[in-house]
Amino acid sequence: MTPANNPMAQLSLKDTSIPVITPLSGGSKTLTSVFLKNNATSTGEQLKCKPDFCVVIQPGSRTLKMGKAKSASPCIVPHCIGYQENTTSTSTSTVGSKMFSKEEDEKLIDVKEFDECMETLERSKKLPNNFYSTLRTFNQQQSKNFQKLAMSKEAALEYSKFSPESYLVGDEALNADPRECSLVWPMRNGMFADENSIGHMEKIWRVVLTERLKIEDFHKWSCVVIIDDHVPIHHLKAYCQLCLGDLKFNAVGFMRCSQAVSFGAGLSSGLIIDCGAQKLSVSCIEDGVLVQNSISLLGGDTFLHMFHDLLRVNKFPLKSLDIYSNPSHFKMLEEEVWLKQANLDDENEVIPSIATNTPFEFYVKEPGQKDILVYAVKLLDERRLPLLQLFEPDLGLLKRYMLADYDNSFI
C-alpha cells in the first residue's frame, strides 16, 4: 500500500493527542535497538526495565511526586525553584513565576457583589439585619488586637540559605527570603509554563533524585513519567530530552494520568475525575484505553483564590495578607484557615446573632520572626461559598476565576 492510499499515514498529529504510528512491516527478528547508555546496536535485543531500578515521576503544576517503583509512597515536594535575586539570569521564567494568573491587587469580588450573592443564597433561617457589616467591623478591629506568643529558639524559623549554585528547590525555595529570591513555577495547567521550563525542571528533578531519593547513577535507572491526559505530542520530545539527554536515564516511558489511576485501583474501566491545583479533568477509561476526556481550567488554586478575595471583602484581620509574593502567607492561608474551615456543613447557615458566631483563631509564623502572631476572625459564608460554586453555578462567582486565555504560543 502506498503512502497516498494508507489512511494511517495521512493522519496529522496536530489534530489528536494520541500518537498515531504506522504498523511496522517484517518480523521482530529484523528489528534493531539503539541504547543511549553505550550507543550500541544489537539485533533482536529488548531493553528491560528492572523494578528495583525504576523511578516513577508525576510532575504537577504545584507539586512534584517522585518515588521508586517499589516504594509504598512517593516523595512529594513543591514543584518550584527559587533563584537568588542578584544572580538570576535573564532566562528566568516570567510566566512560570506566578502561582496564580491574577495579579495581587486584582480583587475580583467587591462588597456589593458579595452582598448580592448572599441574597440569592437559600437559608433555613434569615440572618439579622446588618449582620455582615457588624462582622466586618469585628474583623477590622482584630487587626490591631492580635496577640504575640514568644517562640523558643528551637521553634523559630529561619530563612533558607542559598547553595553555591545560587538556587533552592521545593520547600527550601518557599522558605527563602522573598526579598532575595525569585520564585519560579515551571508548569501551569499541567503543561510547561514557557520555553525555559525544561531547564528549571532539570535542576528540580536532579536535586530531588539525589537528595531525597538518594539516587546517584542515573544511567542505571529507568523512569516512568505520568503525563497529563491532554499533553501535546511534541511535549513528549521535551520530556525525552529532559530524561534521556539531561538526566541520562537508561530508558523512559510515559503513561497518562487517568490510566495510571485506573490501573492503580485495579480497574480496567471507569470514570476518572482528577482535581489538581490548576485544572479539573474528567476522563473515561474503557478496557485500559482513554476513550473520552474533557478539561476545565479550574482547580484547588481557583477556590483558594476566591476564598482569599472573600476574606479581604469581609476585612480579614491580617492586612498584609499576600498569597502571591509571600509563600509563608500562602501556606498559612491554605493550612491554617482553608483546610480547617472550608466545608459545606448546614450548621454554618443558621447564625442567629453575631454574638453566637465564635471567633476562629489562626497563627502566623514566618521565617525570621521571633513571635507567633495570633489573630481572631469571624467567618460565615466564606467557609462554604467557594465549594458551593460547584453545585450552584447560578451564584455566578466561579466563572470570573476560570482561565480562558492560556498562552502557549512559545510551543
Protein backbone atom coordinates (compact mmCIF):
# COMPACT_ATOMS: atom_id res chain seq x y z
CA MET A 1 0.00 0.00 0.00
CA THR A 2 1.41 3.35 -0.99
CA PRO A 3 1.54 6.27 1.46
CA ALA A 4 -1.10 8.10 -0.56
CA ASN A 5 -3.53 5.20 -0.05
CA ASN A 6 -2.57 4.49 3.55
CA PRO A 7 -5.10 6.18 5.89
CA MET A 8 -2.72 5.84 8.87
CA ALA A 9 -0.04 7.83 7.09
CA GLN A 10 -2.48 10.63 6.25
CA LEU A 11 -3.38 11.42 9.89
CA SER A 12 -1.91 14.61 11.26
CA LEU A 13 -0.53 14.77 14.80
CA LYS A 14 -1.87 18.33 15.08
CA ASP A 15 -5.45 17.07 15.33
CA THR A 16 -5.05 14.42 18.01
CA SER A 17 -3.45 13.92 21.39
CA ILE A 18 -2.98 10.18 20.75
CA PRO A 19 0.20 9.07 18.93
CA VAL A 20 -0.52 7.57 15.53
CA ILE A 21 2.12 5.07 14.42
CA THR A 22 2.13 3.29 11.08
CA PRO A 23 2.43 -0.50 11.61
CA LEU A 24 5.92 -1.86 11.05
CA SER A 25 6.42 -4.47 8.39
CA GLY A 26 8.62 -7.53 8.87
CA GLY A 27 9.29 -9.78 11.81
CA SER A 28 10.65 -8.77 15.18
CA LYS A 29 13.96 -10.57 14.49
CA THR A 30 14.91 -7.97 11.90
CA LEU A 31 14.46 -5.00 14.25
CA THR A 32 17.39 -3.25 15.89
CA SER A 33 17.55 -1.27 19.14
CA VAL A 34 19.84 1.64 19.89
CA PHE A 35 20.73 2.10 23.57
CA LEU A 36 21.53 5.51 24.95
CA LYS A 37 23.90 4.06 27.54
CA ASN A 38 26.63 2.83 25.22
CA ASN A 39 25.20 3.81 21.80
CA ALA A 40 25.50 0.20 20.70
CA THR A 41 23.18 -1.55 18.23
CA SER A 42 22.09 -5.15 18.72
CA THR A 43 19.72 -7.38 16.78
CA GLY A 44 16.65 -8.82 18.43
CA GLU A 45 17.56 -7.39 21.87
CA GLN A 46 14.99 -5.64 24.03
CA LEU A 47 15.55 -3.10 26.79
CA LYS A 48 14.32 -4.45 30.13
CA CYS A 49 13.32 -2.15 32.99
CA LYS A 50 14.05 -3.65 36.39
CA PRO A 51 11.56 -2.71 39.13
CA ASP A 52 14.44 -2.26 41.59
CA PHE A 53 15.92 0.44 39.34
CA CYS A 54 12.82 2.28 38.16
CA VAL A 55 11.61 5.74 39.22
CA VAL A 56 8.02 6.96 38.80
CA ILE A 57 7.66 10.72 38.27
CA GLN A 58 4.45 12.77 38.19
CA PRO A 59 5.13 16.46 37.51
CA GLY A 60 2.28 18.74 38.53
CA SER A 61 1.64 22.46 38.42
CA ARG A 62 2.01 22.76 42.19
CA THR A 63 3.63 19.55 43.45
CA LEU A 64 6.14 17.05 42.12
CA LYS A 65 5.58 13.42 43.07
CA MET A 66 8.60 11.20 42.66
CA GLY A 67 9.45 7.80 44.09
CA LYS A 68 10.98 4.43 43.45
CA ALA A 69 8.65 1.93 41.81
CA LYS A 70 8.82 -0.48 44.77
CA SER A 71 8.24 2.22 47.41
CA ALA A 72 4.90 2.37 49.21
CA SER A 73 4.50 6.14 48.79
CA PRO A 74 6.17 8.85 46.72
CA CYS A 75 8.22 11.84 47.79
CA ILE A 76 6.09 15.00 47.42
CA VAL A 77 7.74 18.41 47.10
CA PRO A 78 6.56 21.79 45.79
CA HIS A 79 7.38 21.92 42.07
CA CYS A 80 9.21 25.23 42.19
CA ILE A 81 12.70 26.67 42.17
CA GLY A 82 13.99 29.90 43.69
CA TYR A 83 16.89 31.86 42.23
CA GLN A 84 18.95 34.33 44.18
CA GLU A 85 17.93 37.79 43.02
CA ASN A 86 21.37 39.22 42.33
CA THR A 87 22.41 36.17 40.28
CA THR A 88 19.18 35.41 38.43
CA SER A 89 19.84 35.02 34.73
CA THR A 90 17.74 36.69 32.08
CA SER A 91 16.29 33.30 31.15
CA THR A 92 14.32 33.08 34.39
CA SER A 93 10.65 32.40 33.68
CA THR A 94 8.19 35.26 33.97
CA VAL A 95 5.04 33.31 33.18
CA GLY A 96 6.02 30.39 35.38
CA SER A 97 6.93 32.61 38.30
CA LYS A 98 3.27 33.37 39.03
CA MET A 99 1.41 30.96 41.26
CA PHE A 100 -1.87 32.50 40.10
CA SER A 101 -2.79 34.13 36.81
CA LYS A 102 -4.33 37.15 38.55
CA GLU A 103 -2.28 39.98 39.97
CA GLU A 104 -2.14 40.69 43.70
CA ASP A 105 -4.18 43.88 43.52
CA GLU A 106 -6.80 42.43 41.16
CA LYS A 107 -9.63 41.56 43.53
CA LEU A 108 -12.50 40.04 41.54
CA ILE A 109 -15.18 40.41 44.22
CA ASP A 110 -16.25 43.61 45.96
CA VAL A 111 -18.59 44.17 48.91
CA LYS A 112 -21.66 44.94 46.79
CA GLU A 113 -21.29 41.82 44.68
CA PHE A 114 -20.74 39.69 47.77
CA ASP A 115 -23.90 41.02 49.44
CA GLU A 116 -25.92 40.43 46.25
CA CYS A 117 -24.65 36.87 46.09
CA MET A 118 -25.68 36.31 49.71
CA GLU A 119 -29.21 37.48 48.94
CA THR A 120 -29.64 34.73 46.36
CA LEU A 121 -28.34 32.07 48.76
CA GLU A 122 -31.11 29.97 50.25
CA ARG A 123 -31.07 29.67 54.03
CA SER A 124 -33.12 27.77 56.57
CA LYS A 125 -33.16 30.91 58.73
CA LYS A 126 -32.73 34.53 57.77
CA LEU A 127 -29.74 36.44 59.10
CA PRO A 128 -30.25 39.59 61.19
CA ASN A 129 -30.04 42.98 59.55
CA ASN A 130 -26.56 44.44 59.09
CA PHE A 131 -25.03 41.10 60.04
CA TYR A 132 -22.10 41.34 57.66
CA SER A 133 -21.35 44.97 58.42
CA THR A 134 -21.10 44.04 62.11
CA LEU A 135 -18.92 41.05 61.26
CA ARG A 136 -16.60 43.22 59.16
CA THR A 137 -16.30 45.74 61.96
CA PHE A 138 -15.27 42.98 64.37
CA ASN A 139 -12.66 41.59 61.97
CA GLN A 140 -11.26 45.02 61.27
CA GLN A 141 -10.78 45.66 64.97
CA GLN A 142 -8.85 42.41 65.35
CA SER A 143 -6.13 43.69 63.03
CA LYS A 144 -4.93 45.80 65.96
CA ASN A 145 -5.81 43.39 68.77
CA PHE A 146 -3.69 40.40 67.76
CA GLN A 147 -1.61 38.51 70.33
CA LYS A 148 2.07 37.69 70.32
CA LEU A 149 3.42 34.38 71.55
CA ALA A 150 7.14 34.09 72.09
CA MET A 151 8.88 31.25 70.29
CA SER A 152 11.78 29.23 71.58
CA LYS A 153 14.97 29.15 69.58
CA GLU A 154 14.21 25.58 68.52
CA ALA A 155 10.79 26.52 67.15
CA ALA A 156 11.91 29.69 65.37
CA LEU A 157 12.01 29.55 61.58
CA GLU A 158 14.99 30.77 59.64
CA TYR A 159 15.19 31.74 56.00
CA SER A 160 16.77 29.14 53.73
CA LYS A 161 20.39 29.73 52.78
CA PHE A 162 21.28 29.67 49.12
CA SER A 163 23.57 26.94 47.86
CA PRO A 164 26.73 27.67 45.85
CA GLU A 165 24.60 27.16 42.71
CA SER A 166 22.50 30.18 43.79
CA TYR A 167 19.17 28.38 43.65
CA LEU A 168 16.87 26.48 46.03
CA VAL A 169 14.31 23.78 45.31
CA GLY A 170 10.93 22.86 46.78
CA ASP A 171 10.22 23.73 50.41
CA GLU A 172 13.59 25.43 50.76
CA ALA A 173 12.67 27.80 47.94
CA LEU A 174 9.37 28.63 49.63
CA ASN A 175 11.19 29.33 52.90
CA ALA A 176 13.67 31.72 51.28
CA ASP A 177 13.51 35.45 51.91
CA PRO A 178 11.10 36.78 49.23
CA ARG A 179 13.19 39.95 49.01
CA GLU A 180 16.20 37.91 47.88
CA CYS A 181 14.53 35.08 45.98
CA SER A 182 12.86 34.96 42.57
CA LEU A 183 10.39 32.07 42.70
CA VAL A 184 9.63 30.13 39.52
CA TRP A 185 6.88 27.55 38.92
CA PRO A 186 7.88 25.78 35.67
CA MET A 187 4.47 24.20 34.98
CA ARG A 188 1.00 25.64 34.61
CA ASN A 189 -2.25 23.74 33.99
CA GLY A 190 -0.27 20.51 33.68
CA MET A 191 1.92 21.85 30.84
CA PHE A 192 5.15 23.79 30.51
CA ALA A 193 4.81 27.41 31.59
CA ASP A 194 7.24 28.73 28.98
CA GLU A 195 10.27 27.80 26.88
CA ASN A 196 12.58 27.84 29.92
CA SER A 197 10.60 25.27 31.90
CA ILE A 198 12.74 22.28 30.93
CA GLY A 199 15.87 23.94 32.30
CA HIS A 200 14.14 24.72 35.61
CA MET A 201 12.69 21.21 35.88
CA GLU A 202 16.05 19.57 35.23
CA LYS A 203 17.50 21.32 38.29
CA ILE A 204 14.48 20.50 40.46
CA TRP A 205 14.38 16.84 39.48
CA ARG A 206 18.13 16.36 39.90
CA VAL A 207 18.05 17.75 43.46
CA VAL A 208 15.06 15.59 44.46
CA LEU A 209 16.58 12.46 42.93
CA THR A 210 19.95 12.89 44.62
CA GLU A 211 18.97 14.38 47.98
CA ARG A 212 15.56 12.84 48.67
CA LEU A 213 15.70 9.51 46.82
CA LYS A 214 19.47 9.04 47.20
CA ILE A 215 19.97 8.10 43.53
CA GLU A 216 23.36 8.89 42.04
CA ASP A 217 23.98 6.75 38.94
CA PHE A 218 21.08 7.81 36.75
CA HIS A 219 22.32 5.75 33.81
CA LYS A 220 21.49 2.58 35.77
CA TRP A 221 17.90 3.66 36.30
CA SER A 222 14.86 3.90 34.07
CA CYS A 223 11.88 6.20 34.70
CA VAL A 224 8.15 6.31 34.03
CA VAL A 225 6.66 9.79 33.67
CA ILE A 226 2.95 10.18 34.47
CA ILE A 227 1.82 12.79 31.97
CA ASP A 228 -1.36 14.82 31.69
CA ASP A 229 -4.16 13.37 29.57
CA HIS A 230 -4.07 16.42 27.30
CA VAL A 231 -0.33 16.87 26.93
CA PRO A 232 0.60 17.64 23.29
CA ILE A 233 2.62 15.03 21.49
CA HIS A 234 5.51 17.43 20.85
CA HIS A 235 5.87 17.92 24.61
CA LEU A 236 6.93 14.29 24.84
CA LYS A 237 10.04 15.14 22.87
CA ALA A 238 10.94 17.70 25.52
CA TYR A 239 10.36 15.14 28.26
CA CYS A 240 12.59 12.67 26.42
CA GLN A 241 15.32 15.30 26.16
CA LEU A 242 14.97 16.00 29.88
CA CYS A 243 15.07 12.36 30.99
CA LEU A 244 17.43 10.84 28.44
CA GLY A 245 19.56 13.79 27.38
CA ASP A 246 19.89 15.91 30.53
CA LEU A 247 19.41 13.43 33.38
CA LYS A 248 20.88 10.49 31.42
CA PHE A 249 18.31 7.89 32.46
CA ASN A 250 18.69 4.46 30.90
CA ALA A 251 15.14 4.50 29.50
CA VAL A 252 11.93 6.50 29.79
CA GLY A 253 8.29 5.53 29.45
CA PHE A 254 5.07 7.56 29.57
CA MET A 255 1.64 6.85 30.98
CA ARG A 256 -1.43 9.03 31.03
CA CYS A 257 -2.59 10.09 34.47
CA SER A 258 -6.12 8.68 34.14
CA GLN A 259 -4.79 5.30 33.01
CA ALA A 260 -2.34 5.20 35.91
CA VAL A 261 -5.18 5.89 38.37
CA SER A 262 -7.37 3.23 36.78
CA PHE A 263 -4.69 0.56 36.79
CA GLY A 264 -3.58 1.51 40.28
CA ALA A 265 -7.12 0.92 41.52
CA GLY A 266 -7.20 -2.46 39.77
CA LEU A 267 -9.88 -1.40 37.28
CA SER A 268 -9.76 -1.65 33.52
CA SER A 269 -12.73 0.68 33.02
CA GLY A 270 -14.04 3.66 34.94
CA LEU A 271 -14.69 7.38 35.14
CA ILE A 272 -11.65 9.27 36.46
CA ILE A 273 -12.09 12.75 37.96
CA ASP A 274 -8.79 14.49 38.66
CA CYS A 275 -8.92 17.81 40.51
CA GLY A 276 -5.44 19.29 40.63
CA ALA A 277 -4.14 22.66 41.71
CA GLN A 278 -4.92 24.44 38.44
CA LYS A 279 -7.22 22.24 36.39
CA LEU A 280 -10.07 19.75 36.62
CA SER A 281 -10.17 16.87 34.14
CA VAL A 282 -12.76 14.14 33.63
CA SER A 283 -11.70 11.06 31.69
CA CYS A 284 -13.37 7.81 30.59
CA ILE A 285 -11.29 4.64 30.59
CA GLU A 286 -12.61 1.55 28.80
CA ASP A 287 -10.56 -1.65 28.69
CA GLY A 288 -7.49 0.33 29.67
CA VAL A 289 -7.86 2.82 26.81
CA LEU A 290 -8.62 6.53 27.18
CA VAL A 291 -11.73 6.95 25.03
CA GLN A 292 -13.04 10.39 26.01
CA ASN A 293 -11.91 13.28 28.18
CA SER A 294 -12.56 16.93 28.93
CA ILE A 295 -10.75 19.62 30.82
CA SER A 296 -11.68 22.76 32.73
CA LEU A 297 -9.08 25.29 33.79
CA LEU A 298 -10.06 25.46 37.42
CA GLY A 299 -8.69 23.62 40.41
CA GLY A 300 -7.73 23.98 44.02
CA ASP A 301 -5.94 27.28 43.38
CA THR A 302 -9.13 28.68 41.85
CA PHE A 303 -11.13 28.12 45.02
CA LEU A 304 -8.28 29.29 47.24
CA HIS A 305 -8.05 32.49 45.19
CA MET A 306 -11.80 33.05 45.60
CA PHE A 307 -11.54 32.30 49.33
CA HIS A 308 -8.75 34.87 49.59
CA ASP A 309 -10.90 37.54 47.93
CA LEU A 310 -13.89 36.74 50.15
CA LEU A 311 -11.73 37.16 53.24
CA ARG A 312 -10.50 40.54 52.02
CA VAL A 313 -14.08 41.67 51.37
CA ASN A 314 -15.02 40.82 54.97
CA LYS A 315 -11.98 42.61 56.44
CA PHE A 316 -9.65 39.72 57.19
CA PRO A 317 -7.56 40.99 60.12
CA LEU A 318 -4.18 40.21 58.57
CA LYS A 319 -3.97 43.33 56.39
CA SER A 320 -0.63 42.34 54.88
CA LEU A 321 -2.02 39.03 53.59
CA ASP A 322 -0.27 38.44 50.27
CA ILE A 323 -0.50 34.92 48.88
CA TYR A 324 1.06 35.93 45.57
CA SER A 325 4.56 37.02 46.58
CA ASN A 326 4.81 35.79 50.19
CA PRO A 327 4.92 31.95 50.30
CA SER A 328 4.57 31.88 54.10
CA HIS A 329 1.22 33.71 53.83
CA PHE A 330 0.06 31.29 51.15
CA LYS A 331 1.00 28.32 53.34
CA MET A 332 -0.72 29.87 56.35
CA LEU A 333 -3.94 30.59 54.44
CA GLU A 334 -4.03 27.10 52.98
CA GLU A 335 -3.15 25.08 56.09
CA GLU A 336 -4.41 27.23 58.97
CA VAL A 337 -7.63 28.63 57.52
CA TRP A 338 -8.74 26.97 54.27
CA LEU A 339 -8.21 23.30 55.20
CA LYS A 340 -9.64 23.79 58.70
CA GLN A 341 -12.62 25.99 57.87
CA ALA A 342 -13.81 25.29 54.31
CA ASN A 343 -16.81 22.94 54.34
CA LEU A 344 -20.43 22.57 53.26
CA ASP A 345 -21.97 21.92 56.68
CA ASP A 346 -25.54 23.13 57.10
CA GLU A 347 -24.79 24.34 60.61
CA ASN A 348 -22.99 27.32 59.10
CA GLU A 349 -26.28 28.53 57.64
CA VAL A 350 -28.03 29.22 60.95
CA ILE A 351 -26.26 32.02 62.82
CA PRO A 352 -28.96 33.92 64.73
CA SER A 353 -26.68 36.71 66.00
CA ILE A 354 -23.14 37.97 65.69
CA ALA A 355 -22.52 37.13 69.36
CA THR A 356 -23.00 33.39 68.82
CA ASN A 357 -20.51 33.24 65.96
CA THR A 358 -17.38 32.05 67.77
CA PRO A 359 -14.15 33.65 66.53
CA PHE A 360 -11.66 31.37 64.84
CA GLU A 361 -8.01 31.78 65.79
CA PHE A 362 -5.22 31.30 63.30
CA TYR A 363 -1.48 31.55 63.72
CA VAL A 364 1.05 33.37 61.57
CA LYS A 365 4.58 32.03 61.86
CA GLU A 366 7.08 33.47 59.41
CA PRO A 367 10.81 32.87 58.94
CA GLY A 368 12.96 35.46 60.66
CA GLN A 369 10.15 36.32 63.10
CA LYS A 370 10.67 35.95 66.86
CA ASP A 371 6.98 35.80 67.80
CA ILE A 372 3.93 33.87 66.66
CA LEU A 373 1.09 36.23 65.81
CA VAL A 374 -2.38 35.04 66.86
CA TYR A 375 -5.37 36.59 65.10
CA ALA A 376 -9.10 36.08 65.72
CA VAL A 377 -11.58 36.24 62.85
CA LYS A 378 -15.28 35.57 62.45
CA LEU A 379 -16.23 33.64 59.33
CA LEU A 380 -19.56 32.65 57.89
CA ASP A 381 -20.27 32.08 54.22
CA GLU A 382 -16.62 32.42 53.23
CA ARG A 383 -16.22 28.88 54.52
CA ARG A 384 -18.62 27.29 52.10
CA LEU A 385 -19.19 29.74 49.27
CA PRO A 386 -16.16 28.69 47.13
CA LEU A 387 -17.07 24.99 47.27
CA LEU A 388 -20.76 25.78 46.78
CA GLN A 389 -19.98 27.20 43.34
CA LEU A 390 -19.58 23.64 42.04
CA PHE A 391 -23.17 22.77 42.96
CA GLU A 392 -24.90 26.13 42.49
CA PRO A 393 -23.37 27.80 39.41
CA ASP A 394 -26.15 30.41 39.42
CA LEU A 395 -24.26 32.19 42.20
CA GLY A 396 -22.09 33.48 39.38
CA LEU A 397 -18.71 33.87 41.08
CA LEU A 398 -16.80 30.90 39.70
CA LYS A 399 -16.80 31.97 36.06
CA ARG A 400 -14.71 35.02 36.93
CA TYR A 401 -11.83 32.83 38.06
CA MET A 402 -11.79 30.34 35.22
CA LEU A 403 -8.78 30.80 32.99
CA ALA A 404 -9.96 31.39 29.44
CA ASP A 405 -6.71 32.61 27.93
CA TYR A 406 -3.72 30.36 28.40
CA ASP A 407 -0.79 31.48 26.30
CA ASN A 408 1.19 28.54 24.93
CA SER A 409 2.44 30.35 21.84
CA PHE A 410 6.01 29.51 22.81
CA ILE A 411 5.43 25.85 21.81
